[in-house]
Amino acid sequence: MKLQTLLLLLILALIGAFSALNWHVFISPTPLSLGFTSVEMPLGLVMLGFLITLTALFLIFVVYQQTSMLFENRRHTRELQANRELADQAEASRFTELRSYLEGELGRQGNLNAETKTALIARIDRLEGDLRALAEQSENSLSAYIGEMEERLEKTAGRTA
């Protein structure tokens, strides 16, 4: 229990004990003025009645406050749960949207890589063909030079012999 509740119960117990110890004084009649008339009643009993009535009203008020707070707490919990579900759905849709965007981008990058690869292979093939042609040309030129040199050597060898 909370300290406040224990303190309240202690005070009520002390009032009850005080009333029990002084019960004969509480029930002795005294003249009371009600403003427009005078009556003879036990003042202690009247005050005890007022105290009990006030305590009952206070307890009813506390129960009412607790009940309204409980209902408000439940309403807030439901709203919080609904907002949490909305946030989860929004997050899920963002993830789905991100996934589709990434799949599209990866597909586009894959296509771009395939095009680049095809273009690169075509260029390498073209360069390889050009290199072969250049090698053949160099070979032919070299063969022609060697053939010329052989002819010259044969002519000079035929002149000296």
N, C-alpha and C. Protein backbone atom coordinates (compact mmCIF):
# COMPACT_ATOMS: atom_id res chain seq x y z
N MET A 1 0.83 -1.18 0.00
CA MET A 1 0.00 0.00 0.00
C MET A 1 0.88 1.24 0.00
N LYS A 2 0.29 2.30 -0.49
CA LYS A 2 1.02 3.55 -0.51
C LYS A 2 1.05 4.16 0.88
N LEU A 3 1.99 5.04 1.09
CA LEU A 3 2.15 5.70 2.38
C LEU A 3 0.93 6.55 2.72
N GLN A 4 0.37 7.20 1.71
CA GLN A 4 -0.80 8.05 1.93
C GLN A 4 -1.99 7.22 2.42
N THR A 5 -2.19 6.06 1.83
CA THR A 5 -3.30 5.20 2.21
C THR A 5 -3.11 4.69 3.64
N LEU A 6 -1.89 4.31 3.96
CA LEU A 6 -1.61 3.85 5.32
C LEU A 6 -1.83 4.97 6.34
N LEU A 7 -1.41 6.17 5.99
CA LEU A 7 -1.61 7.32 6.88
C LEU A 7 -3.09 7.60 7.09
N LEU A 8 -3.87 7.54 6.03
CA LEU A 8 -5.32 7.77 6.11
C LEU A 8 -5.98 6.70 6.98
N LEU A 9 -5.60 5.44 6.78
CA LEU A 9 -6.17 4.36 7.61
C LEU A 9 -5.78 4.51 9.07
N LEU A 10 -4.55 4.96 9.33
CA LEU A 10 -4.10 5.18 10.70
C LEU A 10 -4.92 6.29 11.37
N ILE A 11 -5.14 7.37 10.64
CA ILE A 11 -5.94 8.48 11.18
C ILE A 11 -7.36 8.02 11.47
N LEU A 12 -7.97 7.26 10.54
CA LEU A 12 -9.33 6.75 10.76
C LEU A 12 -9.36 5.81 11.96
N ALA A 13 -8.34 4.99 12.15
CA ALA A 13 -8.28 4.09 13.29
C ALA A 13 -8.15 4.88 14.60
N LEU A 14 -7.34 5.93 14.56
CA LEU A 14 -7.19 6.78 15.76
C LEU A 14 -8.51 7.47 16.11
N ILE A 15 -9.23 7.94 15.10
CA ILE A 15 -10.54 8.58 15.35
C ILE A 15 -11.52 7.55 15.92
N GLY A 16 -11.50 6.34 15.36
CA GLY A 16 -12.37 5.28 15.87
C GLY A 16 -12.03 4.93 17.32
N ALA A 17 -10.75 4.84 17.64
CA ALA A 17 -10.34 4.53 19.01
C ALA A 17 -10.73 5.66 19.96
N PHE A 18 -10.53 6.89 19.51
CA PHE A 18 -10.91 8.06 20.33
C PHE A 18 -12.41 8.06 20.58
N SER A 19 -13.19 7.74 19.53
CA SER A 19 -14.65 7.71 19.68
C SER A 19 -15.07 6.59 20.62
N ALA A 20 -14.43 5.45 20.54
CA ALA A 20 -14.79 4.33 21.42
C ALA A 20 -14.45 4.65 22.87
N LEU A 21 -13.29 5.27 23.10
CA LEU A 21 -12.90 5.62 24.46
C LEU A 21 -13.81 6.68 25.08
N ASN A 22 -14.32 7.57 24.28
CA ASN A 22 -15.14 8.67 24.77
C ASN A 22 -16.59 8.53 24.32
N TRP A 23 -17.09 7.33 24.19
CA TRP A 23 -18.44 7.10 23.65
C TRP A 23 -19.51 7.72 24.54
N HIS A 24 -19.34 7.66 25.84
CA HIS A 24 -20.35 8.22 26.74
C HIS A 24 -20.46 9.74 26.56
N VAL A 25 -19.35 10.41 26.20
CA VAL A 25 -19.39 11.85 25.95
C VAL A 25 -20.03 12.12 24.60
N PHE A 26 -19.76 11.24 23.64
CA PHE A 26 -20.30 11.42 22.30
C PHE A 26 -21.84 11.35 22.28
N ILE A 27 -22.39 10.53 23.15
CA ILE A 27 -23.84 10.34 23.10
C ILE A 27 -24.59 11.22 24.12
N SER A 28 -23.88 12.04 24.88
CA SER A 28 -24.58 12.92 25.83
C SER A 28 -25.19 14.09 25.05
N PRO A 29 -26.48 14.34 25.23
CA PRO A 29 -27.16 15.38 24.46
C PRO A 29 -26.73 16.79 24.92
N THR A 30 -26.66 17.67 23.92
CA THR A 30 -26.36 19.08 24.17
C THR A 30 -27.27 19.92 23.30
N PRO A 31 -27.56 21.13 23.70
CA PRO A 31 -28.41 21.97 22.85
C PRO A 31 -27.60 22.45 21.64
N LEU A 32 -28.17 22.28 20.43
CA LEU A 32 -27.52 22.70 19.17
C LEU A 32 -28.42 23.71 18.47
N SER A 33 -27.80 24.74 17.92
CA SER A 33 -28.56 25.75 17.18
C SER A 33 -28.41 25.46 15.70
N LEU A 34 -29.52 25.40 14.99
CA LEU A 34 -29.51 25.16 13.54
C LEU A 34 -29.69 26.48 12.79
N GLY A 35 -29.67 27.58 13.44
CA GLY A 35 -29.82 28.88 12.82
C GLY A 35 -31.23 29.40 12.99
N PHE A 36 -32.22 28.65 12.63
CA PHE A 36 -33.61 29.06 12.74
C PHE A 36 -34.33 28.37 13.89
N THR A 37 -33.72 27.33 14.43
CA THR A 37 -34.31 26.63 15.56
C THR A 37 -33.21 26.01 16.40
N SER A 38 -33.57 25.54 17.55
CA SER A 38 -32.63 24.90 18.47
C SER A 38 -33.12 23.50 18.76
N VAL A 39 -32.18 22.53 18.76
CA VAL A 39 -32.53 21.14 19.05
C VAL A 39 -31.54 20.60 20.07
N GLU A 40 -31.95 19.56 20.77
CA GLU A 40 -31.06 18.93 21.72
C GLU A 40 -30.67 17.57 21.15
N MET A 41 -29.37 17.45 20.79
CA MET A 41 -28.84 16.23 20.18
C MET A 41 -27.43 16.00 20.70
N PRO A 42 -26.92 14.77 20.56
CA PRO A 42 -25.53 14.53 20.96
C PRO A 42 -24.57 15.13 19.93
N LEU A 43 -23.80 16.12 20.33
CA LEU A 43 -22.88 16.83 19.42
C LEU A 43 -21.81 15.88 18.88
N GLY A 44 -21.29 15.03 19.71
CA GLY A 44 -20.25 14.09 19.27
C GLY A 44 -20.76 13.16 18.18
N LEU A 45 -22.02 12.69 18.32
CA LEU A 45 -22.60 11.81 17.30
C LEU A 45 -22.83 12.56 15.99
N VAL A 46 -23.26 13.81 16.10
CA VAL A 46 -23.47 14.63 14.89
C VAL A 46 -22.14 14.84 14.18
N MET A 47 -21.11 15.21 14.94
CA MET A 47 -19.81 15.44 14.31
C MET A 47 -19.23 14.14 13.73
N LEU A 48 -19.45 13.02 14.45
CA LEU A 48 -18.99 11.73 13.95
C LEU A 48 -19.74 11.37 12.67
N GLY A 49 -21.02 11.68 12.62
CA GLY A 49 -21.82 11.44 11.41
C GLY A 49 -21.30 12.27 10.24
N PHE A 50 -20.98 13.56 10.53
CA PHE A 50 -20.42 14.41 9.48
C PHE A 50 -19.08 13.84 8.98
N LEU A 51 -18.26 13.38 9.93
CA LEU A 51 -16.96 12.80 9.55
C LEU A 51 -17.15 11.55 8.69
N ILE A 52 -18.08 10.69 9.07
CA ILE A 52 -18.33 9.46 8.29
C ILE A 52 -18.87 9.81 6.91
N THR A 53 -19.80 10.79 6.87
CA THR A 53 -20.35 11.22 5.57
C THR A 53 -19.25 11.81 4.69
N LEU A 54 -18.43 12.67 5.27
CA LEU A 54 -17.34 13.27 4.49
C LEU A 54 -16.35 12.22 4.01
N THR A 55 -16.04 11.26 4.87
CA THR A 55 -15.13 10.18 4.47
C THR A 55 -15.74 9.34 3.35
N ALA A 56 -17.03 9.04 3.44
CA ALA A 56 -17.69 8.27 2.39
C ALA A 56 -17.69 9.04 1.08
N LEU A 57 -17.98 10.35 1.14
CA LEU A 57 -17.94 11.17 -0.07
C LEU A 57 -16.53 11.21 -0.67
N PHE A 58 -15.55 11.32 0.19
CA PHE A 58 -14.17 11.33 -0.27
C PHE A 58 -13.82 10.00 -0.95
N LEU A 59 -14.23 8.89 -0.35
CA LEU A 59 -13.96 7.58 -0.95
C LEU A 59 -14.67 7.42 -2.29
N ILE A 60 -15.91 7.91 -2.36
CA ILE A 60 -16.64 7.86 -3.65
C ILE A 60 -15.90 8.69 -4.69
N PHE A 61 -15.42 9.87 -4.29
CA PHE A 61 -14.67 10.72 -5.21
C PHE A 61 -13.39 10.04 -5.68
N VAL A 62 -12.69 9.39 -4.74
CA VAL A 62 -11.44 8.70 -5.10
C VAL A 62 -11.73 7.55 -6.06
N VAL A 63 -12.79 6.79 -5.81
CA VAL A 63 -13.16 5.68 -6.69
C VAL A 63 -13.53 6.22 -8.08
N TYR A 64 -14.27 7.33 -8.10
CA TYR A 64 -14.63 7.95 -9.38
C TYR A 64 -13.38 8.38 -10.15
N GLN A 65 -12.44 9.03 -9.44
CA GLN A 65 -11.20 9.47 -10.08
C GLN A 65 -10.40 8.28 -10.61
N GLN A 66 -10.29 7.24 -9.81
CA GLN A 66 -9.55 6.05 -10.24
C GLN A 66 -10.20 5.42 -11.46
N THR A 67 -11.53 5.33 -11.45
CA THR A 67 -12.25 4.73 -12.58
C THR A 67 -12.05 5.55 -13.84
N SER A 68 -12.19 6.88 -13.72
CA SER A 68 -12.00 7.70 -14.91
C SER A 68 -10.57 7.63 -15.42
N MET A 69 -9.60 7.56 -14.52
CA MET A 69 -8.21 7.44 -14.96
C MET A 69 -7.98 6.08 -15.64
N LEU A 70 -8.63 5.05 -15.11
CA LEU A 70 -8.51 3.73 -15.70
C LEU A 70 -9.09 3.71 -17.12
N PHE A 71 -10.28 4.31 -17.28
CA PHE A 71 -10.87 4.37 -18.62
C PHE A 71 -10.03 5.21 -19.57
N GLU A 72 -9.51 6.33 -19.08
CA GLU A 72 -8.67 7.17 -19.92
C GLU A 72 -7.38 6.44 -20.29
N ASN A 73 -6.83 5.71 -19.34
CA ASN A 73 -5.63 4.93 -19.61
C ASN A 73 -5.89 3.87 -20.67
N ARG A 74 -7.03 3.21 -20.59
CA ARG A 74 -7.38 2.22 -21.61
C ARG A 74 -7.54 2.87 -22.97
N ARG A 75 -8.18 4.04 -23.00
CA ARG A 75 -8.37 4.75 -24.28
C ARG A 75 -7.01 5.13 -24.86
N HIS A 76 -6.12 5.64 -24.02
CA HIS A 76 -4.78 6.00 -24.50
C HIS A 76 -4.02 4.77 -24.98
N THR A 77 -4.20 3.66 -24.29
CA THR A 77 -3.52 2.42 -24.70
C THR A 77 -4.02 1.98 -26.07
N ARG A 78 -5.34 2.05 -26.27
CA ARG A 78 -5.89 1.69 -27.59
C ARG A 78 -5.37 2.62 -28.69
N GLU A 79 -5.35 3.93 -28.40
CA GLU A 79 -4.84 4.89 -29.38
C GLU A 79 -3.37 4.63 -29.67
N LEU A 80 -2.62 4.35 -28.62
CA LEU A 80 -1.19 4.06 -28.80
C LEU A 80 -0.99 2.81 -29.64
N GLN A 81 -1.80 1.79 -29.39
CA GLN A 81 -1.69 0.55 -30.17
C GLN A 81 -2.05 0.81 -31.63
N ALA A 82 -3.12 1.60 -31.84
CA ALA A 82 -3.51 1.92 -33.22
C ALA A 82 -2.41 2.71 -33.92
N ASN A 83 -1.81 3.67 -33.22
CA ASN A 83 -0.71 4.44 -33.81
C ASN A 83 0.51 3.57 -34.06
N ARG A 84 0.77 2.64 -33.17
CA ARG A 84 1.90 1.72 -33.36
C ARG A 84 1.67 0.85 -34.59
N GLU A 85 0.43 0.37 -34.76
CA GLU A 85 0.12 -0.45 -35.94
C GLU A 85 0.25 0.38 -37.22
N LEU A 86 -0.21 1.64 -37.17
CA LEU A 86 -0.05 2.51 -38.35
C LEU A 86 1.43 2.73 -38.66
N ALA A 87 2.22 2.95 -37.62
CA ALA A 87 3.66 3.16 -37.84
C ALA A 87 4.30 1.89 -38.41
N ASP A 88 3.89 0.72 -37.90
CA ASP A 88 4.44 -0.53 -38.42
C ASP A 88 4.05 -0.73 -39.88
N GLN A 89 2.81 -0.40 -40.22
CA GLN A 89 2.37 -0.54 -41.61
C GLN A 89 3.13 0.43 -42.51
N ALA A 90 3.32 1.67 -42.02
CA ALA A 90 4.07 2.65 -42.81
C ALA A 90 5.51 2.18 -43.00
N GLU A 91 6.10 1.64 -41.95
CA GLU A 91 7.47 1.14 -42.04
C GLU A 91 7.55 -0.04 -43.00
N ALA A 92 6.56 -0.93 -42.94
CA ALA A 92 6.54 -2.08 -43.85
C ALA A 92 6.39 -1.61 -45.30
N SER A 93 5.53 -0.60 -45.53
CA SER A 93 5.37 -0.11 -46.90
C SER A 93 6.65 0.58 -47.36
N ARG A 94 7.35 1.26 -46.45
CA ARG A 94 8.62 1.88 -46.83
C ARG A 94 9.65 0.81 -47.19
N PHE A 95 9.67 -0.28 -46.40
CA PHE A 95 10.60 -1.36 -46.72
C PHE A 95 10.25 -1.99 -48.07
N THR A 96 8.96 -2.19 -48.32
CA THR A 96 8.54 -2.75 -49.60
C THR A 96 8.93 -1.82 -50.75
N GLU A 97 8.70 -0.53 -50.54
CA GLU A 97 9.05 0.45 -51.55
C GLU A 97 10.56 0.48 -51.78
N LEU A 98 11.31 0.42 -50.69
CA LEU A 98 12.77 0.40 -50.80
C LEU A 98 13.24 -0.86 -51.52
N ARG A 99 12.63 -2.00 -51.19
CA ARG A 99 13.00 -3.25 -51.86
C ARG A 99 12.74 -3.16 -53.36
N SER A 100 11.56 -2.66 -53.75
CA SER A 100 11.26 -2.56 -55.18
C SER A 100 12.21 -1.58 -55.86
N TYR A 101 12.53 -0.47 -55.17
CA TYR A 101 13.46 0.50 -55.75
C TYR A 101 14.84 -0.14 -55.94
N LEU A 102 15.30 -0.86 -54.90
CA LEU A 102 16.61 -1.50 -54.99
C LEU A 102 16.63 -2.58 -56.07
N GLU A 103 15.54 -3.35 -56.18
CA GLU A 103 15.48 -4.36 -57.24
C GLU A 103 15.54 -3.70 -58.61
N GLY A 104 14.81 -2.60 -58.78
CA GLY A 104 14.84 -1.87 -60.05
C GLY A 104 16.23 -1.34 -60.35
N GLU A 105 16.86 -0.73 -59.33
CA GLU A 105 18.20 -0.18 -59.53
C GLU A 105 19.21 -1.28 -59.82
N LEU A 106 19.11 -2.40 -59.09
CA LEU A 106 20.03 -3.51 -59.34
C LEU A 106 19.81 -4.10 -60.73
N GLY A 107 18.56 -4.19 -61.16
CA GLY A 107 18.28 -4.66 -62.52
C GLY A 107 18.86 -3.72 -63.56
N ARG A 108 18.70 -2.42 -63.32
CA ARG A 108 19.24 -1.43 -64.25
C ARG A 108 20.77 -1.50 -64.27
N GLN A 109 21.38 -1.66 -63.09
CA GLN A 109 22.84 -1.80 -63.04
C GLN A 109 23.30 -3.08 -63.75
N GLY A 110 22.51 -4.16 -63.57
CA GLY A 110 22.84 -5.41 -64.26
C GLY A 110 22.78 -5.24 -65.77
N ASN A 111 21.73 -4.57 -66.24
CA ASN A 111 21.61 -4.32 -67.69
C ASN A 111 22.75 -3.43 -68.17
N LEU A 112 23.08 -2.40 -67.38
CA LEU A 112 24.17 -1.51 -67.76
C LEU A 112 25.50 -2.27 -67.78
N ASN A 113 25.69 -3.15 -66.79
CA ASN A 113 26.91 -3.96 -66.78
C ASN A 113 26.97 -4.90 -67.97
N ALA A 114 25.82 -5.49 -68.33
CA ALA A 114 25.79 -6.39 -69.49
C ALA A 114 26.09 -5.61 -70.77
N GLU A 115 25.51 -4.42 -70.92
CA GLU A 115 25.78 -3.60 -72.10
C GLU A 115 27.25 -3.20 -72.16
N THR A 116 27.78 -2.80 -70.99
CA THR A 116 29.19 -2.40 -70.93
C THR A 116 30.09 -3.58 -71.26
N LYS A 117 29.74 -4.75 -70.73
CA LYS A 117 30.53 -5.95 -71.00
C LYS A 117 30.50 -6.29 -72.49
N THR A 118 29.30 -6.21 -73.08
CA THR A 118 29.17 -6.51 -74.52
C THR A 118 29.98 -5.51 -75.34
N ALA A 119 29.89 -4.22 -74.99
CA ALA A 119 30.64 -3.20 -75.71
C ALA A 119 32.14 -3.41 -75.53
N LEU A 120 32.55 -3.77 -74.32
CA LEU A 120 33.97 -3.99 -74.04
C LEU A 120 34.49 -5.21 -74.80
N ILE A 121 33.71 -6.28 -74.83
CA ILE A 121 34.13 -7.48 -75.58
C ILE A 121 34.22 -7.17 -77.07
N ALA A 122 33.25 -6.41 -77.56
CA ALA A 122 33.29 -6.04 -78.99
C ALA A 122 34.53 -5.20 -79.29
N ARG A 123 34.84 -4.26 -78.40
CA ARG A 123 36.02 -3.42 -78.62
C ARG A 123 37.30 -4.24 -78.55
N ILE A 124 37.36 -5.18 -77.57
CA ILE A 124 38.54 -6.04 -77.45
C ILE A 124 38.69 -6.90 -78.72
N ASP A 125 37.55 -7.43 -79.22
CA ASP A 125 37.60 -8.22 -80.45
C ASP A 125 38.10 -7.37 -81.62
N ARG A 126 37.61 -6.12 -81.71
CA ARG A 126 38.04 -5.23 -82.78
C ARG A 126 39.53 -4.92 -82.66
N LEU A 127 39.97 -4.64 -81.42
CA LEU A 127 41.39 -4.35 -81.20
C LEU A 127 42.25 -5.58 -81.50
N GLU A 128 41.73 -6.75 -81.15
CA GLU A 128 42.46 -7.98 -81.43
C GLU A 128 42.59 -8.17 -82.95
N GLY A 129 41.50 -7.89 -83.66
CA GLY A 129 41.56 -7.99 -85.13
C GLY A 129 42.54 -6.99 -85.70
N ASP A 130 42.50 -5.75 -85.16
CA ASP A 130 43.44 -4.73 -85.64
C ASP A 130 44.88 -5.14 -85.34
N LEU A 131 45.10 -5.74 -84.15
CA LEU A 131 46.44 -6.18 -83.76
C LEU A 131 46.91 -7.31 -84.68
N ARG A 132 46.02 -8.23 -85.02
CA ARG A 132 46.39 -9.32 -85.94
C ARG A 132 46.73 -8.77 -87.32
N ALA A 133 45.89 -7.82 -87.75
CA ALA A 133 46.15 -7.21 -89.06
C ALA A 133 47.50 -6.50 -89.05
N LEU A 134 47.77 -5.77 -87.95
CA LEU A 134 49.04 -5.06 -87.83
C LEU A 134 50.20 -6.06 -87.77
N ALA A 135 49.99 -7.18 -87.04
CA ALA A 135 51.04 -8.19 -86.96
C ALA A 135 51.28 -8.80 -88.35
N GLU A 136 50.20 -9.08 -89.08
CA GLU A 136 50.36 -9.63 -90.43
C GLU A 136 51.07 -8.64 -91.34
N GLN A 137 50.69 -7.38 -91.20
CA GLN A 137 51.32 -6.35 -92.01
C GLN A 137 52.81 -6.26 -91.67
N SER A 138 53.10 -6.30 -90.37
CA SER A 138 54.51 -6.24 -89.96
C SER A 138 55.25 -7.48 -90.46
N GLU A 139 54.58 -8.61 -90.39
CA GLU A 139 55.20 -9.84 -90.88
C GLU A 139 55.46 -9.76 -92.38
N ASN A 140 54.49 -9.29 -93.10
CA ASN A 140 54.66 -9.15 -94.55
C ASN A 140 55.77 -8.16 -94.87
N SER A 141 55.78 -7.03 -94.13
CA SER A 141 56.83 -6.03 -94.38
C SER A 141 58.20 -6.63 -94.07
N LEU A 142 58.29 -7.33 -92.96
CA LEU A 142 59.54 -7.95 -92.55
C LEU A 142 59.96 -9.01 -93.57
N SER A 143 59.01 -9.79 -94.04
CA SER A 143 59.33 -10.80 -95.06
C SER A 143 59.83 -10.14 -96.34
N ALA A 144 59.17 -9.03 -96.69
CA ALA A 144 59.59 -8.32 -97.91
C ALA A 144 61.01 -7.78 -97.72
N TYR A 145 61.32 -7.21 -96.54
CA TYR A 145 62.66 -6.69 -96.29
C TYR A 145 63.68 -7.82 -96.31
N ILE A 146 63.31 -8.95 -95.71
CA ILE A 146 64.23 -10.08 -95.68
C ILE A 146 64.46 -10.60 -97.11
N GLY A 147 63.35 -10.64 -97.88
CA GLY A 147 63.48 -11.07 -99.28
C GLY A 147 64.39 -10.13 -100.05
N GLU A 148 64.25 -8.85 -99.85
CA GLU A 148 65.10 -7.87 -100.51
C GLU A 148 66.55 -8.05 -100.11
N MET A 149 66.74 -8.29 -98.82
CA MET A 149 68.10 -8.47 -98.33
C MET A 149 68.72 -9.73 -98.92
N GLU A 150 67.94 -10.78 -99.08
CA GLU A 150 68.46 -12.00 -99.67
C GLU A 150 68.85 -11.76 -101.13
N GLU A 151 68.00 -11.03 -101.82
CA GLU A 151 68.32 -10.72 -103.23
C GLU A 151 69.60 -9.91 -103.33
N ARG A 152 69.74 -8.95 -102.48
CA ARG A 152 70.94 -8.12 -102.50
C ARG A 152 72.16 -8.97 -102.15
N LEU A 153 71.97 -9.84 -101.17
CA LEU A 153 73.09 -10.69 -100.79
C LEU A 153 73.45 -11.64 -101.94
N GLU A 154 72.45 -12.14 -102.61
CA GLU A 154 72.71 -13.02 -103.74
C GLU A 154 73.38 -12.26 -104.89
N LYS A 155 72.96 -11.05 -105.09
CA LYS A 155 73.58 -10.23 -106.16
C LYS A 155 74.99 -9.91 -105.79
N THR A 156 75.23 -9.51 -104.54
CA THR A 156 76.60 -9.20 -104.15
C THR A 156 77.42 -10.48 -104.07
N ALA A 157 76.85 -11.59 -103.72
CA ALA A 157 77.60 -12.83 -103.66
C ALA A 157 77.87 -13.30 -105.09
N GLY A 158 76.94 -13.06 -106.02
CA GLY A 158 77.13 -13.45 -107.41
C GLY A 158 78.16 -12.54 -108.09
N ARG A 159 78.34 -11.35 -107.73
CA ARG A 159 79.29 -10.41 -108.28
C ARG A 159 80.68 -10.74 -107.75
N THR A 160 80.77 -11.11 -106.55
CA THR A 160 82.08 -11.41 -105.99
C THR A 160 82.53 -12.81 -106.41
N ALA A 161 81.73 -13.62 -106.79
CA ALA A 161 82.14 -14.97 -107.15
C ALA A 161 82.48 -15.08 -108.54
